[in-house]
């Protein structure tokens, strides 16, 4: 699925294809000064200001003190060129990893409010029980189109509901309809904070976080980030007692103004992350940090009904291209009451569909 895009600068770096080597700059300055003094000597000789005996060999026209001055000026010149790029502090390998940023990056754009309506309608048709979340995004998409924004923006969401109702799946389907890349962070993972934003150099496992990795690999400045079970994220303490929490890492990224000047801990460059959209999931409001709740729209979502689960299963089976007999058999399981008392969730249904899909594609023996 393709959407309109707008290219934004994303960074204030300057990519220079061929930064001169210090030795080459020194050689050029030596050659220039030698040629300049040789021309002056030739003019003075032709004008009779100096005799033939006073002519100096061209290679001795540049003296030791001149060489010292040339070395200092060449070093200042190369340093200024390198520092102007914003990449001076990085190794050659790190600079190579940032080459996808050259020329800026695209963000997905919603051109008209009608386009926003179509996205919301398609998402609601797939998962109607997620109506509150779809409606919140819908308003954000319409506002983005109405205001003529270069990209898509909606308020950061925290989807609170029972496990297995499809919160993360809904977020992935949203990313599909928006045609944006996505990345997922497990808040209960160890350590989720560094997994999201990365670690600065000096740490043994220093690396860019998933957010920056997604931007670079997808070459897109507006991915959708899914953070699962945000209420269960814990704290980490360094050997020096410094406290690190996922909430602390998220807060500057959730505020549009600070996100526009967010600094990557690993590359130590400023990036415009203000077009990143966020969907966080939770199983309970208990444990949700207050600073996070104040910056997000927290939605309490209802449980899935049996009929909603049945409708989703049949529609998803058709979307996956399952044979009609397979879809009919799944429908009979619901209609016949065979699984009426089973504790089903969207996860178990998806596994059931994957099993049916695998069986359908399995070759038959004659």
Protein backbone atom coordinates (compact mmCIF):
# COMPACT_ATOMS: atom_id res chain seq x y z
CA UNK A 1 0.00 0.00 0.00
CA UNK A 2 1.39 3.38 -1.02
CA UNK A 3 0.71 6.75 0.55
CA UNK A 4 1.88 10.24 -0.28
CA UNK A 5 5.12 11.23 1.43
CA UNK A 6 7.00 14.40 2.25
CA UNK A 7 10.77 14.55 2.64
CA UNK A 8 11.90 16.33 5.81
CA UNK A 9 15.50 17.30 6.71
CA UNK A 10 15.42 15.03 9.82
CA UNK A 11 18.93 16.13 10.88
CA UNK A 12 21.37 19.03 10.70
CA UNK A 13 24.28 16.95 9.40
CA UNK A 14 26.31 17.82 6.31
CA UNK A 15 27.49 14.90 4.25
CA UNK A 16 30.77 15.73 2.49
CA UNK A 17 31.69 13.19 -0.16
CA UNK A 18 35.42 13.82 -0.04
CA UNK A 19 36.79 15.41 3.11
CA UNK A 20 40.42 16.26 2.23
CA UNK A 21 43.21 14.46 4.02
CA UNK A 22 45.52 16.61 6.12
CA UNK A 23 48.58 15.56 4.09
CA UNK A 24 46.89 16.54 0.81
CA UNK A 25 45.97 19.98 2.15
CA UNK A 26 49.53 20.55 3.31
CA UNK A 27 50.87 19.53 -0.11
CA UNK A 28 48.50 21.90 -1.89
CA UNK A 29 49.52 24.81 0.34
CA UNK A 30 53.21 23.98 -0.14
CA UNK A 31 52.75 23.90 -3.92
CA UNK A 32 50.77 27.13 -3.94
CA UNK A 33 53.28 29.04 -1.79
CA UNK A 34 56.22 27.70 -3.80
CA UNK A 35 54.58 28.70 -7.09
CA UNK A 36 53.65 32.14 -5.77
CA UNK A 37 57.18 32.90 -4.64
CA UNK A 38 58.67 31.51 -7.84
CA UNK A 39 56.48 33.85 -9.93
CA UNK A 40 57.50 36.79 -7.77
CA UNK A 41 61.19 35.84 -8.08
CA UNK A 42 60.87 35.55 -11.87
CA UNK A 43 59.19 38.97 -12.10
CA UNK A 44 61.87 40.56 -9.95
CA UNK A 45 64.56 38.93 -12.11
CA UNK A 46 62.97 40.16 -15.34
CA UNK A 47 62.65 43.64 -13.84
CA UNK A 48 66.33 43.59 -12.89
CA UNK A 49 65.64 43.77 -9.21
CA UNK A 50 67.68 40.63 -8.55
CA UNK A 51 70.61 39.13 -10.42
CA UNK A 52 71.06 35.62 -11.79
CA UNK A 53 73.21 34.75 -8.81
CA UNK A 54 70.45 35.76 -6.40
CA UNK A 55 67.93 33.28 -7.83
CA UNK A 56 66.88 30.66 -5.26
CA UNK A 57 66.15 27.03 -6.09
CA UNK A 58 62.31 26.58 -6.16
CA UNK A 59 62.48 23.78 -3.56
CA UNK A 60 64.14 26.11 -1.06
CA UNK A 61 61.63 28.93 -1.53
CA UNK A 62 59.54 27.43 1.32
CA UNK A 63 61.42 27.59 4.60
CA UNK A 64 60.97 25.67 7.85
CA UNK A 65 58.92 28.42 9.45
CA UNK A 66 56.64 28.39 6.39
CA UNK A 67 56.17 24.64 6.72
CA UNK A 68 55.18 25.06 10.37
CA UNK A 69 52.60 27.70 9.47
CA UNK A 70 51.25 25.53 6.64
CA UNK A 71 50.87 22.58 9.01
CA UNK A 72 48.89 24.69 11.50
CA UNK A 73 46.63 26.19 8.85
CA UNK A 74 46.00 22.84 7.16
CA UNK A 75 45.05 21.29 10.48
CA UNK A 76 42.61 24.14 11.25
CA UNK A 77 41.06 23.89 7.80
CA UNK A 78 40.49 20.13 7.93
CA UNK A 79 39.14 20.36 11.47
CA UNK A 80 36.64 23.06 10.47
CA UNK A 81 35.45 21.09 7.45
CA UNK A 82 34.97 17.97 9.54
CA UNK A 83 33.31 19.75 12.46
CA UNK A 84 30.87 21.50 10.10
CA UNK A 85 29.46 18.12 9.06
CA UNK A 86 28.30 17.19 12.55
CA UNK A 87 30.00 13.82 12.04
CA UNK A 88 33.48 14.74 13.26
CA UNK A 89 33.19 12.72 16.46
CA UNK A 90 32.15 9.52 14.68
CA UNK A 91 34.23 6.70 13.29
CA UNK A 92 34.23 5.86 9.59
CA UNK A 93 31.99 2.87 10.30
CA UNK A 94 29.46 4.99 12.19
CA UNK A 95 29.42 7.60 9.42
CA UNK A 96 28.74 4.87 6.88
CA UNK A 97 25.78 3.66 8.93
CA UNK A 98 24.27 7.14 8.77
CA UNK A 99 24.40 7.44 4.98
CA UNK A 100 20.66 6.59 4.65
CA UNK A 101 20.02 10.01 6.19
CA UNK A 102 21.63 11.81 3.26
CA UNK A 103 19.15 14.15 1.63
CA UNK A 104 16.56 13.82 4.42
CA UNK A 105 13.91 11.17 4.99
CA UNK A 106 10.27 10.75 3.96
CA UNK A 107 7.27 10.80 6.27
CA UNK A 108 3.84 9.50 5.32
CA UNK A 109 1.28 12.19 4.58
CA UNK A 110 -2.51 12.10 4.64
CA UNK A 111 -3.57 14.45 1.86
CA UNK A 112 -7.33 14.72 2.42
CA UNK A 113 -9.77 14.13 5.23
CA UNK A 114 -11.51 11.63 2.97
CA UNK A 115 -8.33 9.56 2.95
CA UNK A 116 -8.34 9.64 6.75
CA UNK A 117 -11.97 8.48 6.72
CA UNK A 118 -11.09 5.53 4.48
CA UNK A 119 -8.26 4.42 6.75
CA UNK A 120 -10.44 4.61 9.86
CA UNK A 121 -13.29 2.79 8.14
CA UNK A 122 -11.02 -0.05 6.99
CA UNK A 123 -9.49 -0.41 10.45
CA UNK A 124 -12.89 -0.34 12.15
CA UNK A 125 -14.24 -2.98 9.77
CA UNK A 126 -11.41 -5.32 10.77
CA UNK A 127 -11.58 -4.75 14.53
CA UNK A 128 -14.80 -2.99 15.57
CA UNK A 129 -14.23 -3.64 19.29
CA UNK A 130 -11.22 -1.31 19.06
CA UNK A 131 -13.53 1.56 18.06
CA UNK A 132 -12.29 3.98 20.75
CA UNK A 133 -8.68 3.61 19.62
CA UNK A 134 -9.62 3.86 15.93
CA UNK A 135 -11.67 6.97 16.60
CA UNK A 136 -8.80 8.67 18.42
CA UNK A 137 -6.42 7.99 15.53
CA UNK A 138 -9.09 9.02 13.02
CA UNK A 139 -9.35 12.49 14.59
CA UNK A 140 -5.56 12.83 14.46
CA UNK A 141 -5.44 11.81 10.80
CA UNK A 142 -8.18 14.27 9.85
CA UNK A 143 -6.40 17.06 11.73
CA UNK A 144 -3.12 16.22 9.95
CA UNK A 145 -4.84 16.50 6.57
CA UNK A 146 -6.84 19.60 7.53
CA UNK A 147 -3.76 21.45 8.79
CA UNK A 148 -1.69 20.43 5.75
CA UNK A 149 1.00 18.80 7.88
CA UNK A 150 3.89 17.20 6.01
CA UNK A 151 3.35 13.97 7.95
CA UNK A 152 0.90 12.04 10.10
CA UNK A 153 0.43 12.83 13.76
CA UNK A 154 -1.92 11.57 16.42
CA UNK A 155 -1.75 11.65 20.21
CA UNK A 156 0.35 8.92 21.84
CA UNK A 157 -1.98 6.13 22.90
CA UNK A 158 -2.02 3.72 25.82
CA UNK A 159 -4.43 0.88 25.08
CA UNK A 160 -5.52 -0.66 28.37
CA UNK A 161 -7.39 -3.94 28.24
CA UNK A 162 -7.35 -7.63 28.94
CA UNK A 163 -4.63 -9.75 27.34
CA UNK A 164 -5.45 -11.21 23.96
CA UNK A 165 -7.96 -8.64 22.70
CA UNK A 166 -5.63 -7.58 19.87
CA UNK A 167 -4.08 -4.33 21.08
CA UNK A 168 -0.71 -4.95 19.43
CA UNK A 169 -2.35 -6.51 16.38
CA UNK A 170 -4.52 -3.41 15.96
CA UNK A 171 -1.38 -1.26 16.07
CA UNK A 172 0.27 -3.36 13.35
CA UNK A 173 -2.84 -3.12 11.17
CA UNK A 174 -2.81 0.66 11.70
CA UNK A 175 0.79 0.77 10.50
CA UNK A 176 -0.23 -1.30 7.47
CA UNK A 177 -3.03 1.10 6.52
CA UNK A 178 -0.77 4.11 7.04
CA UNK A 179 2.03 2.43 5.04
CA UNK A 180 4.63 3.18 7.71
CA UNK A 181 7.32 0.91 9.18
CA UNK A 182 6.88 -0.38 12.70
CA UNK A 183 9.02 -1.62 15.56
CA UNK A 184 8.04 -3.28 18.81
CA UNK A 185 9.50 -2.92 22.28
CA UNK A 186 8.74 -5.37 25.09
CA UNK A 187 8.58 -3.23 28.21
CA UNK A 188 9.22 -6.31 30.33
CA UNK A 189 12.37 -7.06 28.36
CA UNK A 190 15.80 -6.49 29.81
CA UNK A 191 16.68 -3.72 29.36
CA UNK A 192 13.72 -2.07 27.55
CA UNK A 193 15.10 1.45 28.02
CA UNK A 194 18.29 0.77 26.10
CA UNK A 195 16.45 -1.40 23.58
CA UNK A 196 14.38 1.65 22.61
CA UNK A 197 16.93 4.49 22.54
CA UNK A 198 20.26 2.66 22.52
CA UNK A 199 23.43 2.95 24.55
CA UNK A 200 26.11 5.59 24.25
CA UNK A 201 29.64 4.60 23.38
CA UNK A 202 31.75 3.59 26.31
CA UNK A 203 29.35 0.86 27.38
CA UNK A 204 30.35 -2.69 26.55
CA UNK A 205 27.14 -3.32 24.58
CA UNK A 206 26.84 0.15 23.02
CA UNK A 207 24.54 0.24 19.98
CA UNK A 208 21.76 2.36 18.50
CA UNK A 209 18.26 1.58 19.79
CA UNK A 210 15.41 0.02 17.86
CA UNK A 211 13.95 3.43 17.11
CA UNK A 212 17.05 4.67 15.31
CA UNK A 213 17.66 1.27 13.71
CA UNK A 214 14.13 1.30 12.26
CA UNK A 215 14.55 4.82 10.89
CA UNK A 216 17.85 3.87 9.22
CA UNK A 217 16.80 0.45 7.87
CA UNK A 218 13.38 1.59 6.60
CA UNK A 219 14.68 5.03 5.55
CA UNK A 220 11.54 6.56 7.00
CA UNK A 221 11.27 9.29 9.65
CA UNK A 222 7.77 8.43 10.86
CA UNK A 223 7.58 4.82 12.03
CA UNK A 224 4.95 3.52 14.42
CA UNK A 225 6.48 2.31 17.69
CA UNK A 226 4.57 -0.30 19.72
CA UNK A 227 5.52 -0.65 23.39
CA UNK A 228 3.95 -3.74 24.96
CA UNK A 229 2.96 -4.01 28.64
CA UNK A 230 4.19 -0.54 29.47
CA UNK A 231 2.84 -0.77 33.03
CA UNK A 232 5.28 -3.60 33.81
CA UNK A 233 8.46 -1.76 32.89
CA UNK A 234 10.93 -1.67 35.75
CA UNK A 235 13.98 0.31 36.76
CA UNK A 236 17.65 -0.27 36.05
CA UNK A 237 20.62 1.04 37.99
CA UNK A 238 24.15 1.33 36.69
CA UNK A 239 27.19 0.37 38.70
CA UNK A 240 27.41 4.01 39.75
CA UNK A 241 23.82 4.00 41.00
CA UNK A 242 22.35 5.96 38.08
CA UNK A 243 18.66 5.16 37.61
CA UNK A 244 17.30 4.32 34.14
CA UNK A 245 13.60 3.82 33.38
CA UNK A 246 11.65 3.33 30.19
CA UNK A 247 9.42 6.24 31.14
CA UNK A 248 12.41 8.59 31.37
CA UNK A 249 13.47 7.52 27.89
CA UNK A 250 9.96 7.93 26.48
CA UNK A 251 9.01 11.34 27.86
CA UNK A 252 11.23 13.49 25.60
CA UNK A 253 10.09 11.44 22.60
CA UNK A 254 6.39 11.86 23.40
CA UNK A 255 6.66 15.66 23.51
CA UNK A 256 6.72 16.94 19.93
CA UNK A 257 8.95 19.93 20.67
CA UNK A 258 11.65 17.93 22.44
CA UNK A 259 11.32 15.03 20.00
CA UNK A 260 12.19 17.39 17.15
CA UNK A 261 15.63 17.86 18.74
CA UNK A 262 16.10 14.38 20.19
CA UNK A 263 19.72 13.28 20.49
CA UNK A 264 20.61 9.67 19.76
CA UNK A 265 22.75 8.38 22.67
CA UNK A 266 24.82 6.14 20.40
CA UNK A 267 25.53 8.40 17.41
CA UNK A 268 25.25 11.60 19.51
CA UNK A 269 23.49 13.48 16.72
CA UNK A 270 20.21 15.37 16.88
CA UNK A 271 17.29 13.93 14.95
CA UNK A 272 13.71 15.01 14.27
CA UNK A 273 11.67 12.23 15.87
CA UNK A 274 8.55 14.38 16.11
CA UNK A 275 6.85 12.41 13.31
CA UNK A 276 7.14 9.10 15.15
CA UNK A 277 3.77 7.85 16.43
CA UNK A 278 3.33 5.77 19.56
CA UNK A 279 0.95 3.01 20.62
CA UNK A 280 1.55 1.50 24.06
CA UNK A 281 -0.39 -1.39 25.53
CA UNK A 282 -1.23 -2.23 29.13
CA UNK A 283 -3.25 -4.87 30.93
CA UNK A 284 -4.05 -2.56 33.86
CA UNK A 285 -3.86 1.10 34.77
CA UNK A 286 -2.08 0.05 37.93
CA UNK A 287 1.60 0.69 37.45
CA UNK A 288 1.19 3.30 34.71
CA UNK A 289 3.48 6.22 35.67
CA UNK A 290 1.65 9.53 36.10
CA UNK A 291 4.02 11.47 33.79
CA UNK A 292 3.24 8.94 31.06
CA UNK A 293 -0.52 9.19 31.57
CA UNK A 294 -0.37 12.98 31.40
CA UNK A 295 1.27 12.84 27.96
CA UNK A 296 -0.84 10.09 26.44
CA UNK A 297 -4.47 9.29 25.78
CA UNK A 298 -5.24 6.28 27.96
CA UNK A 299 -8.15 4.21 26.60
CA UNK A 300 -9.90 1.45 28.56
CA UNK A 301 -10.96 -1.16 26.03
CA UNK A 302 -13.69 -3.79 26.43
CA UNK A 303 -13.22 -7.53 26.29
CA UNK A 304 -13.85 -9.42 23.07
CA UNK A 305 -17.26 -11.02 22.68
CA UNK A 306 -17.68 -14.46 21.12
CA UNK A 307 -19.47 -13.00 18.09
CA UNK A 308 -16.76 -10.40 17.53
CA UNK A 309 -14.12 -13.11 17.70
CA UNK A 310 -16.06 -15.26 15.24
CA UNK A 311 -16.46 -12.40 12.75
CA UNK A 312 -12.79 -11.53 13.01
CA UNK A 313 -11.73 -15.14 12.50
CA UNK A 314 -13.80 -15.55 9.34
CA UNK A 315 -12.70 -12.20 7.90
CA UNK A 316 -9.05 -12.84 8.71
CA UNK A 317 -9.25 -16.32 7.18
CA UNK A 318 -10.59 -14.81 3.97
CA UNK A 319 -7.89 -12.12 4.01
CA UNK A 320 -5.23 -14.81 4.32
CA UNK A 321 -6.68 -16.64 1.36
CA UNK A 322 -7.81 -19.78 3.18
CA UNK A 323 -9.95 -22.16 1.11
CA UNK A 324 -13.70 -21.81 1.53
CA UNK A 325 -14.05 -25.29 3.16
CA UNK A 326 -11.48 -24.33 5.79
CA UNK A 327 -13.26 -21.05 6.57
CA UNK A 328 -16.60 -22.84 6.73
CA UNK A 329 -15.16 -25.45 9.12
CA UNK A 330 -13.89 -22.71 11.43
CA UNK A 331 -17.30 -21.05 11.34
CA UNK A 332 -18.95 -24.35 12.27
CA UNK A 333 -16.72 -24.59 15.36
CA UNK A 334 -18.18 -21.31 16.61
CA UNK A 335 -21.77 -21.92 15.47
CA UNK A 336 -21.90 -25.47 16.77
CA UNK A 337 -20.84 -24.45 20.26
CA UNK A 338 -17.74 -26.64 20.20
CA UNK A 339 -15.62 -23.82 21.53
CA UNK A 340 -18.30 -21.80 23.30
CA UNK A 341 -16.77 -22.36 26.69
CA UNK A 342 -13.17 -22.13 25.62
CA UNK A 343 -11.17 -19.15 26.83
CA UNK A 344 -10.22 -17.83 23.43
CA UNK A 345 -8.28 -14.71 22.61
CA UNK A 346 -7.03 -13.12 19.43
CA UNK A 347 -3.71 -14.86 19.97
CA UNK A 348 -5.25 -18.34 20.04
CA UNK A 349 -7.42 -17.54 17.04
CA UNK A 350 -4.38 -16.36 15.06
CA UNK A 351 -2.56 -19.57 15.94
CA UNK A 352 -5.60 -21.53 14.83
CA UNK A 353 -5.63 -19.67 11.52
CA UNK A 354 -1.90 -20.26 11.05
CA UNK A 355 -2.45 -23.97 11.64
CA UNK A 356 -5.32 -24.03 9.14
CA UNK A 357 -3.18 -22.10 6.64
CA UNK A 358 -0.33 -24.59 7.04
CA UNK A 359 -2.67 -27.55 6.55
CA UNK A 360 -4.24 -25.96 3.51
CA UNK A 361 -0.85 -25.52 1.86
CA UNK A 362 0.41 -28.97 2.81
CA UNK A 363 0.87 -31.16 -0.29
CA UNK A 364 -1.42 -34.16 -0.56
CA UNK A 365 -0.12 -37.69 -1.24
CA UNK A 366 -1.76 -39.60 -4.07
